[in-house]
Amino acid sequence: MKIIGMDKDWIHIKNRLDPTYVEGVEKFIEFAYANKPLELKIYCPCKKCVNLRYETRNGVREHIIINGFNTNYIRWTI
């Protein structure tokens, strides 16, 4: 297991349409799917799902932008 030192400051931006926030979402999704097939579902880290529901890549992107990112989800590993 490798712990990633990715910048997570974007998850605290209130305006979820802010370009920095959207870029952070895209980088997170790239990270989350780096070693997974595109069609595979992952646990969604949005504030509503809180890593309890599986979602597709597009579902995770939509949920994080609409609901916000669960700020307690801070340890990202591969």
PDB file of N, CA and C in Angstrom:
ATOM      1  N   MET A   1       0.849  -1.174   0.000  1.00  0.00           N
ATOM      2  CA  MET A   1       0.000   0.000   0.000  1.00  0.00           C
ATOM      3  C   MET A   1       0.892   1.233   0.000  1.00  0.00           C
ATOM      4  N   LYS A   2       0.587   2.158  -0.869  1.00  0.00           N
ATOM      5  CA  LYS A   2       1.348   3.393  -0.984  1.00  0.00           C
ATOM      6  C   LYS A   2       0.448   4.571  -0.613  1.00  0.00           C
ATOM      7  N   ILE A   3       0.892   5.415   0.310  1.00  0.00           N
ATOM      8  CA  ILE A   3       0.125   6.591   0.700  1.00  0.00           C
ATOM      9  C   ILE A   3       0.505   7.733  -0.227  1.00  0.00           C
ATOM     10  N   ILE A   4      -0.495   8.390  -0.759  1.00  0.00           N
ATOM     11  CA  ILE A   4      -0.288   9.451  -1.740  1.00  0.00           C
ATOM     12  C   ILE A   4      -0.352  10.819  -1.067  1.00  0.00           C
ATOM     13  N   GLY A   5       0.589  11.687  -1.402  1.00  0.00           N
ATOM     14  CA  GLY A   5       0.620  13.033  -0.864  1.00  0.00           C
ATOM     15  C   GLY A   5      -0.065  14.032  -1.778  1.00  0.00           C
ATOM     16  N   MET A   6      -1.206  13.666  -2.331  1.00  0.00           N
ATOM     17  CA  MET A   6      -1.950  14.532  -3.239  1.00  0.00           C
ATOM     18  C   MET A   6      -2.529  15.725  -2.486  1.00  0.00           C
ATOM     19  N   ASP A   7      -2.537  16.887  -3.122  1.00  0.00           N
ATOM     20  CA  ASP A   7      -3.117  18.087  -2.527  1.00  0.00           C
ATOM     21  C   ASP A   7      -4.614  17.888  -2.337  1.00  0.00           C
ATOM     22  N   LYS A   8      -5.087  18.086  -1.118  1.00  0.00           N
ATOM     23  CA  LYS A   8      -6.501  17.892  -0.812  1.00  0.00           C
ATOM     24  C   LYS A   8      -7.184  19.188  -0.378  1.00  0.00           C
ATOM     25  N   ASP A   9      -6.496  20.313  -0.512  1.00  0.00           N
ATOM     26  CA  ASP A   9      -7.065  21.595  -0.090  1.00  0.00           C
ATOM     27  C   ASP A   9      -8.362  21.923  -0.824  1.00  0.00           C
ATOM     28  N   TRP A  10      -8.498  21.460  -2.048  1.00  0.00           N
ATOM     29  CA  TRP A  10      -9.673  21.769  -2.861  1.00  0.00           C
ATOM     30  C   TRP A  10     -10.971  21.261  -2.232  1.00  0.00           C
ATOM     31  N   ILE A  11     -10.905  20.214  -1.395  1.00  0.00           N
ATOM     32  CA  ILE A  11     -12.145  19.658  -0.836  1.00  0.00           C
ATOM     33  C   ILE A  11     -12.833  20.619   0.130  1.00  0.00           C
ATOM     34  N   HIS A  12     -12.140  21.661   0.554  1.00  0.00           N
ATOM     35  CA  HIS A  12     -12.713  22.633   1.488  1.00  0.00           C
ATOM     36  C   HIS A  12     -13.263  23.877   0.792  1.00  0.00           C
ATOM     37  N   ILE A  13     -13.139  23.954  -0.533  1.00  0.00           N
ATOM     38  CA  ILE A  13     -13.660  25.107  -1.278  1.00  0.00           C
ATOM     39  C   ILE A  13     -15.183  25.040  -1.262  1.00  0.00           C
ATOM     40  N   LYS A  14     -15.824  26.118  -0.845  1.00  0.00           N
ATOM     41  CA  LYS A  14     -17.288  26.154  -0.712  1.00  0.00           C
ATOM     42  C   LYS A  14     -17.999  26.166  -2.064  1.00  0.00           C
ATOM     43  N   ASN A  15     -17.457  26.904  -3.028  1.00  0.00           N
ATOM     44  CA  ASN A  15     -18.069  26.995  -4.355  1.00  0.00           C
ATOM     45  C   ASN A  15     -17.626  25.790  -5.180  1.00  0.00           C
ATOM     46  N   ARG A  16     -18.512  24.815  -5.318  1.00  0.00           N
ATOM     47  CA  ARG A  16     -18.142  23.573  -6.002  1.00  0.00           C
ATOM     48  C   ARG A  16     -18.078  23.714  -7.515  1.00  0.00           C
ATOM     49  N   LEU A  17     -18.359  24.910  -8.036  1.00  0.00           N
ATOM     50  CA  LEU A  17     -18.158  25.177  -9.458  1.00  0.00           C
ATOM     51  C   LEU A  17     -16.856  25.931  -9.695  1.00  0.00           C
ATOM     52  N   ASP A  18     -16.149  26.240  -8.622  1.00  0.00           N
ATOM     53  CA  ASP A  18     -14.844  26.891  -8.723  1.00  0.00           C
ATOM     54  C   ASP A  18     -13.919  25.988  -9.544  1.00  0.00           C
ATOM     55  N   PRO A  19     -13.186  26.545 -10.511  1.00  0.00           N
ATOM     56  CA  PRO A  19     -12.298  25.725 -11.346  1.00  0.00           C
ATOM     57  C   PRO A  19     -11.292  24.899 -10.548  1.00  0.00           C
ATOM     58  N   THR A  20     -10.817  25.409  -9.429  1.00  0.00           N
ATOM     59  CA  THR A  20      -9.874  24.657  -8.594  1.00  0.00           C
ATOM     60  C   THR A  20     -10.553  23.431  -7.997  1.00  0.00           C
ATOM     61  N   TYR A  21     -11.809  23.583  -7.572  1.00  0.00           N
ATOM     62  CA  TYR A  21     -12.567  22.454  -7.025  1.00  0.00           C
ATOM     63  C   TYR A  21     -12.796  21.395  -8.102  1.00  0.00           C
ATOM     64  N   VAL A  22     -13.267  21.831  -9.258  1.00  0.00           N
ATOM     65  CA  VAL A  22     -13.552  20.902 -10.359  1.00  0.00           C
ATOM     66  C   VAL A  22     -12.281  20.177 -10.785  1.00  0.00           C
ATOM     67  N   GLU A  23     -11.162  20.894 -10.842  1.00  0.00           N
ATOM     68  CA  GLU A  23      -9.878  20.265 -11.178  1.00  0.00           C
ATOM     69  C   GLU A  23      -9.491  19.231 -10.118  1.00  0.00           C
ATOM     70  N   GLY A  24      -9.735  19.543  -8.851  1.00  0.00           N
ATOM     71  CA  GLY A  24      -9.458  18.595  -7.773  1.00  0.00           C
ATOM     72  C   GLY A  24     -10.301  17.335  -7.902  1.00  0.00           C
ATOM     73  N   VAL A  25     -11.568  17.499  -8.271  1.00  0.00           N
ATOM     74  CA  VAL A  25     -12.451  16.354  -8.492  1.00  0.00           C
ATOM     75  C   VAL A  25     -11.885  15.474  -9.599  1.00  0.00           C
ATOM     76  N   GLU A  26     -11.486  16.090 -10.698  1.00  0.00           N
ATOM     77  CA  GLU A  26     -10.944  15.338 -11.831  1.00  0.00           C
ATOM     78  C   GLU A  26      -9.653  14.601 -11.440  1.00  0.00           C
ATOM     79  N   LYS A  27      -8.793  15.253 -10.693  1.00  0.00           N
ATOM     80  CA  LYS A  27      -7.558  14.602 -10.255  1.00  0.00           C
ATOM     81  C   LYS A  27      -7.848  13.442  -9.308  1.00  0.00           C
ATOM     82  N   PHE A  28      -8.832  13.624  -8.417  1.00  0.00           N
ATOM     83  CA  PHE A  28      -9.210  12.545  -7.522  1.00  0.00           C
ATOM     84  C   PHE A  28      -9.714  11.347  -8.328  1.00  0.00           C
ATOM     85  N   ILE A  29     -10.569  11.594  -9.303  1.00  0.00           N
ATOM     86  CA  ILE A  29     -11.118  10.507 -10.112  1.00  0.00           C
ATOM     87  C   ILE A  29     -10.015   9.815 -10.899  1.00  0.00           C
ATOM     88  N   GLU A  30      -9.089  10.581 -11.456  1.00  0.00           N
ATOM     89  CA  GLU A  30      -7.940   9.976 -12.153  1.00  0.00           C
ATOM     90  C   GLU A  30      -7.165   9.072 -11.193  1.00  0.00           C
ATOM     91  N   PHE A  31      -6.944   9.556  -9.983  1.00  0.00           N
ATOM     92  CA  PHE A  31      -6.237   8.770  -8.961  1.00  0.00           C
ATOM     93  C   PHE A  31      -7.017   7.510  -8.601  1.00  0.00           C
ATOM     94  N   ALA A  32      -8.311   7.674  -8.359  1.00  0.00           N
ATOM     95  CA  ALA A  32      -9.135   6.550  -7.910  1.00  0.00           C
ATOM     96  C   ALA A  32      -9.219   5.443  -8.961  1.00  0.00           C
ATOM     97  N   TYR A  33      -9.175   5.816 -10.226  1.00  0.00           N
ATOM     98  CA  TYR A  33      -9.292   4.839 -11.307  1.00  0.00           C
ATOM     99  C   TYR A  33      -7.962   4.517 -11.969  1.00  0.00           C
ATOM    100  N   ALA A  34      -6.867   4.942 -11.406  1.00  0.00           N
ATOM    101  CA  ALA A  34      -5.557   4.737 -12.032  1.00  0.00           C
ATOM    102  C   ALA A  34      -5.266   3.277 -12.325  1.00  0.00           C
ATOM    103  N   ASN A  35      -5.697   2.386 -11.468  1.00  0.00           N
ATOM    104  CA  ASN A  35      -5.414   0.965 -11.650  1.00  0.00           C
ATOM    105  C   ASN A  35      -6.683   0.123 -11.725  1.00  0.00           C
ATOM    106  N   LYS A  36      -7.776   0.743 -12.176  1.00  0.00           N
ATOM    107  CA  LYS A  36      -9.049   0.044 -12.260  1.00  0.00           C
ATOM    108  C   LYS A  36      -9.629   0.206 -13.661  1.00  0.00           C
ATOM    109  N   PRO A  37     -10.391  -0.780 -14.125  1.00  0.00           N
ATOM    110  CA  PRO A  37     -11.084  -0.619 -15.412  1.00  0.00           C
ATOM    111  C   PRO A  37     -12.068   0.545 -15.342  1.00  0.00           C
ATOM    112  N   LEU A  38     -12.277   1.228 -16.441  1.00  0.00           N
ATOM    113  CA  LEU A  38     -13.151   2.406 -16.476  1.00  0.00           C
ATOM    114  C   LEU A  38     -14.568   2.106 -16.004  1.00  0.00           C
ATOM    115  N   GLU A  39     -15.066   0.916 -16.287  1.00  0.00           N
ATOM    116  CA  GLU A  39     -16.452   0.598 -15.954  1.00  0.00           C
ATOM    117  C   GLU A  39     -16.636   0.165 -14.499  1.00  0.00           C
ATOM    118  N   LEU A  40     -15.559  -0.047 -13.782  1.00  0.00           N
ATOM    119  CA  LEU A  40     -15.636  -0.491 -12.392  1.00  0.00           C
ATOM    120  C   LEU A  40     -16.222   0.608 -11.508  1.00  0.00           C
ATOM    121  N   LYS A  41     -17.011   0.212 -10.537  1.00  0.00           N
ATOM    122  CA  LYS A  41     -17.562   1.165  -9.580  1.00  0.00           C
ATOM    123  C   LYS A  41     -16.644   1.234  -8.361  1.00  0.00           C
ATOM    124  N   ILE A  42     -16.621   2.409  -7.726  1.00  0.00           N
ATOM    125  CA  ILE A  42     -15.849   2.604  -6.497  1.00  0.00           C
ATOM    126  C   ILE A  42     -16.796   3.155  -5.429  1.00  0.00           C
ATOM    127  N   TYR A  43     -16.357   3.099  -4.185  1.00  0.00           N
ATOM    128  CA  TYR A  43     -17.133   3.750  -3.129  1.00  0.00           C
ATOM    129  C   TYR A  43     -17.107   5.247  -3.374  1.00  0.00           C
ATOM    130  N   CYS A  44     -18.265   5.871  -3.258  1.00  0.00           N
ATOM    131  CA  CYS A  44     -18.375   7.303  -3.515  1.00  0.00           C
ATOM    132  C   CYS A  44     -18.042   8.089  -2.242  1.00  0.00           C
ATOM    133  N   PRO A  45     -17.062   9.013  -2.334  1.00  0.00           N
ATOM    134  CA  PRO A  45     -16.653   9.788  -1.155  1.00  0.00           C
ATOM    135  C   PRO A  45     -17.402  11.111  -0.988  1.00  0.00           C
ATOM    136  N   CYS A  46     -18.597  11.228  -1.582  1.00  0.00           N
ATOM    137  CA  CYS A  46     -19.335  12.482  -1.409  1.00  0.00           C
ATOM    138  C   CYS A  46     -19.938  12.528  -0.001  1.00  0.00           C
ATOM    139  N   LYS A  47     -20.405  13.706   0.399  1.00  0.00           N
ATOM    140  CA  LYS A  47     -20.961  13.884   1.743  1.00  0.00           C
ATOM    141  C   LYS A  47     -22.228  13.074   1.972  1.00  0.00           C
ATOM    142  N   LYS A  48     -22.936  12.741   0.908  1.00  0.00           N
ATOM    143  CA  LYS A  48     -24.174  11.976   1.042  1.00  0.00           C
ATOM    144  C   LYS A  48     -23.900  10.466   1.109  1.00  0.00           C
ATOM    145  N   CYS A  49     -23.012   9.979   0.277  1.00  0.00           N
ATOM    146  CA  CYS A  49     -22.718   8.537   0.228  1.00  0.00           C
ATOM    147  C   CYS A  49     -21.714   8.101   1.290  1.00  0.00           C
ATOM    148  N   VAL A  50     -20.834   8.979   1.693  1.00  0.00           N
ATOM    149  CA  VAL A  50     -19.782   8.736   2.693  1.00  0.00           C
ATOM    150  C   VAL A  50     -19.146   7.341   2.596  1.00  0.00           C
ATOM    151  N   ASN A  51     -18.758   6.973   1.393  1.00  0.00           N
ATOM    152  CA  ASN A  51     -18.076   5.698   1.133  1.00  0.00           C
ATOM    153  C   ASN A  51     -18.917   4.473   1.471  1.00  0.00           C
ATOM    154  N   LEU A  52     -20.230   4.594   1.401  1.00  0.00           N
ATOM    155  CA  LEU A  52     -21.103   3.454   1.675  1.00  0.00           C
ATOM    156  C   LEU A  52     -21.780   2.918   0.420  1.00  0.00           C
ATOM    157  N   ARG A  53     -21.784   3.705  -0.669  1.00  0.00           N
ATOM    158  CA  ARG A  53     -22.436   3.295  -1.915  1.00  0.00           C
ATOM    159  C   ARG A  53     -21.429   3.252  -3.044  1.00  0.00           C
ATOM    160  N   TYR A  54     -21.572   2.239  -3.877  1.00  0.00           N
ATOM    161  CA  TYR A  54     -20.750   2.153  -5.080  1.00  0.00           C
ATOM    162  C   TYR A  54     -21.348   3.033  -6.166  1.00  0.00           C
ATOM    163  N   GLU A  55     -20.486   3.711  -6.898  1.00  0.00           N
ATOM    164  CA  GLU A  55     -20.917   4.540  -8.015  1.00  0.00           C
ATOM    165  C   GLU A  55     -19.931   4.385  -9.163  1.00  0.00           C
ATOM    166  N   THR A  56     -20.390   4.721 -10.344  1.00  0.00           N
ATOM    167  CA  THR A  56     -19.532   4.739 -11.524  1.00  0.00           C
ATOM    168  C   THR A  56     -18.650   5.980 -11.486  1.00  0.00           C
ATOM    169  N   ARG A  57     -17.721   6.038 -12.402  1.00  0.00           N
ATOM    170  CA  ARG A  57     -16.851   7.214 -12.525  1.00  0.00           C
ATOM    171  C   ARG A  57     -17.684   8.491 -12.666  1.00  0.00           C
ATOM    172  N   ASN A  58     -18.640   8.480 -13.586  1.00  0.00           N
ATOM    173  CA  ASN A  58     -19.471   9.672 -13.787  1.00  0.00           C
ATOM    174  C   ASN A  58     -20.361   9.958 -12.581  1.00  0.00           C
ATOM    175  N   GLY A  59     -20.845   8.900 -11.938  1.00  0.00           N
ATOM    176  CA  GLY A  59     -21.662   9.085 -10.739  1.00  0.00           C
ATOM    177  C   GLY A  59     -20.872   9.728  -9.616  1.00  0.00           C
ATOM    178  N   VAL A  60     -19.634   9.273  -9.412  1.00  0.00           N
ATOM    179  CA  VAL A  60     -18.776   9.851  -8.373  1.00  0.00           C
ATOM    180  C   VAL A  60     -18.514  11.319  -8.679  1.00  0.00           C
ATOM    181  N   ARG A  61     -18.177  11.625  -9.918  1.00  0.00           N
ATOM    182  CA  ARG A  61     -17.916  13.019 -10.320  1.00  0.00           C
ATOM    183  C   ARG A  61     -19.132  13.894 -10.017  1.00  0.00           C
ATOM    184  N   GLU A  62     -20.302  13.437 -10.446  1.00  0.00           N
ATOM    185  CA  GLU A  62     -21.537  14.199 -10.239  1.00  0.00           C
ATOM    186  C   GLU A  62     -21.830  14.377  -8.753  1.00  0.00           C
ATOM    187  N   HIS A  63     -21.716  13.306  -7.986  1.00  0.00           N
ATOM    188  CA  HIS A  63     -22.000  13.369  -6.549  1.00  0.00           C
ATOM    189  C   HIS A  63     -21.059  14.329  -5.832  1.00  0.00           C
ATOM    190  N   ILE A  64     -19.772  14.273  -6.150  1.00  0.00           N
ATOM    191  CA  ILE A  64     -18.818  15.157  -5.460  1.00  0.00           C
ATOM    192  C   ILE A  64     -19.102  16.614  -5.787  1.00  0.00           C
ATOM    193  N   ILE A  65     -19.473  16.904  -7.032  1.00  0.00           N
ATOM    194  CA  ILE A  65     -19.755  18.295  -7.397  1.00  0.00           C
ATOM    195  C   ILE A  65     -21.076  18.755  -6.796  1.00  0.00           C
ATOM    196  N   ILE A  66     -22.095  17.914  -6.807  1.00  0.00           N
ATOM    197  CA  ILE A  66     -23.406  18.312  -6.273  1.00  0.00           C
ATOM    198  C   ILE A  66     -23.429  18.287  -4.748  1.00  0.00           C
ATOM    199  N   ASN A  67     -22.934  17.210  -4.137  1.00  0.00           N
ATOM    200  CA  ASN A  67     -23.045  17.032  -2.680  1.00  0.00           C
ATOM    201  C   ASN A  67     -21.840  17.510  -1.891  1.00  0.00           C
ATOM    202  N   GLY A  68     -20.708  17.684  -2.555  1.00  0.00           N
ATOM    203  CA  GLY A  68     -19.477  18.028  -1.851  1.00  0.00           C
ATOM    204  C   GLY A  68     -18.716  16.768  -1.471  1.00  0.00           C
ATOM    205  N   PHE A  69     -17.442  16.939  -1.184  1.00  0.00           N
ATOM    206  CA  PHE A  69     -16.557  15.831  -0.847  1.00  0.00           C
ATOM    207  C   PHE A  69     -16.554  15.632   0.654  1.00  0.00           C
ATOM    208  N   ASN A  70     -16.656  14.410   1.110  1.00  0.00           N
ATOM    209  CA  ASN A  70     -16.607  14.091   2.539  1.00  0.00           C
ATOM    210  C   ASN A  70     -15.232  14.507   3.081  1.00  0.00           C
ATOM    211  N   THR A  71     -15.185  15.555   3.868  1.00  0.00           N
ATOM    212  CA  THR A  71     -13.907  16.096   4.345  1.00  0.00           C
ATOM    213  C   THR A  71     -13.200  15.175   5.342  1.00  0.00           C
ATOM    214  N   ASN A  72     -13.885  14.158   5.831  1.00  0.00           N
ATOM    215  CA  ASN A  72     -13.236  13.171   6.712  1.00  0.00           C
ATOM    216  C   ASN A  72     -12.466  12.123   5.916  1.00  0.00           C
ATOM    217  N   TYR A  73     -12.652  12.102   4.621  1.00  0.00           N
ATOM    218  CA  TYR A  73     -11.980  11.140   3.736  1.00  0.00           C
ATOM    219  C   TYR A  73     -10.654  11.743   3.301  1.00  0.00           C
ATOM    220  N   ILE A  74      -9.624  11.568   4.135  1.00  0.00           N
ATOM    221  CA  ILE A  74      -8.372  12.271   3.889  1.00  0.00           C
ATOM    222  C   ILE A  74      -7.183  11.357   3.580  1.00  0.00           C
ATOM    223  N   ARG A  75      -7.315  10.064   3.795  1.00  0.00           N
ATOM    224  CA  ARG A  75      -6.198   9.157   3.544  1.00  0.00           C
ATOM    225  C   ARG A  75      -6.436   8.405   2.242  1.00  0.00           C
ATOM    226  N   TRP A  76      -5.702   8.780   1.226  1.00  0.00           N
ATOM    227  CA  TRP A  76      -5.861   8.173  -0.093  1.00  0.00           C
ATOM    228  C   TRP A  76      -4.682   7.258  -0.330  1.00  0.00           C
ATOM    229  N   THR A  77      -4.957   5.993  -0.626  1.00  0.00           N
ATOM    230  CA  THR A  77      -3.888   5.027  -0.845  1.00  0.00           C
ATOM    231  C   THR A  77      -4.126   4.251  -2.128  1.00  0.00           C
ATOM    232  N   ILE A  78      -3.021   3.683  -2.653  1.00  0.00           N
ATOM    233  CA  ILE A  78      -3.144   2.765  -3.778  1.00  0.00           C
ATOM    234  C   ILE A  78      -2.408   1.498  -3.433  1.00  0.00           C
TER     235      ILE A  78
END
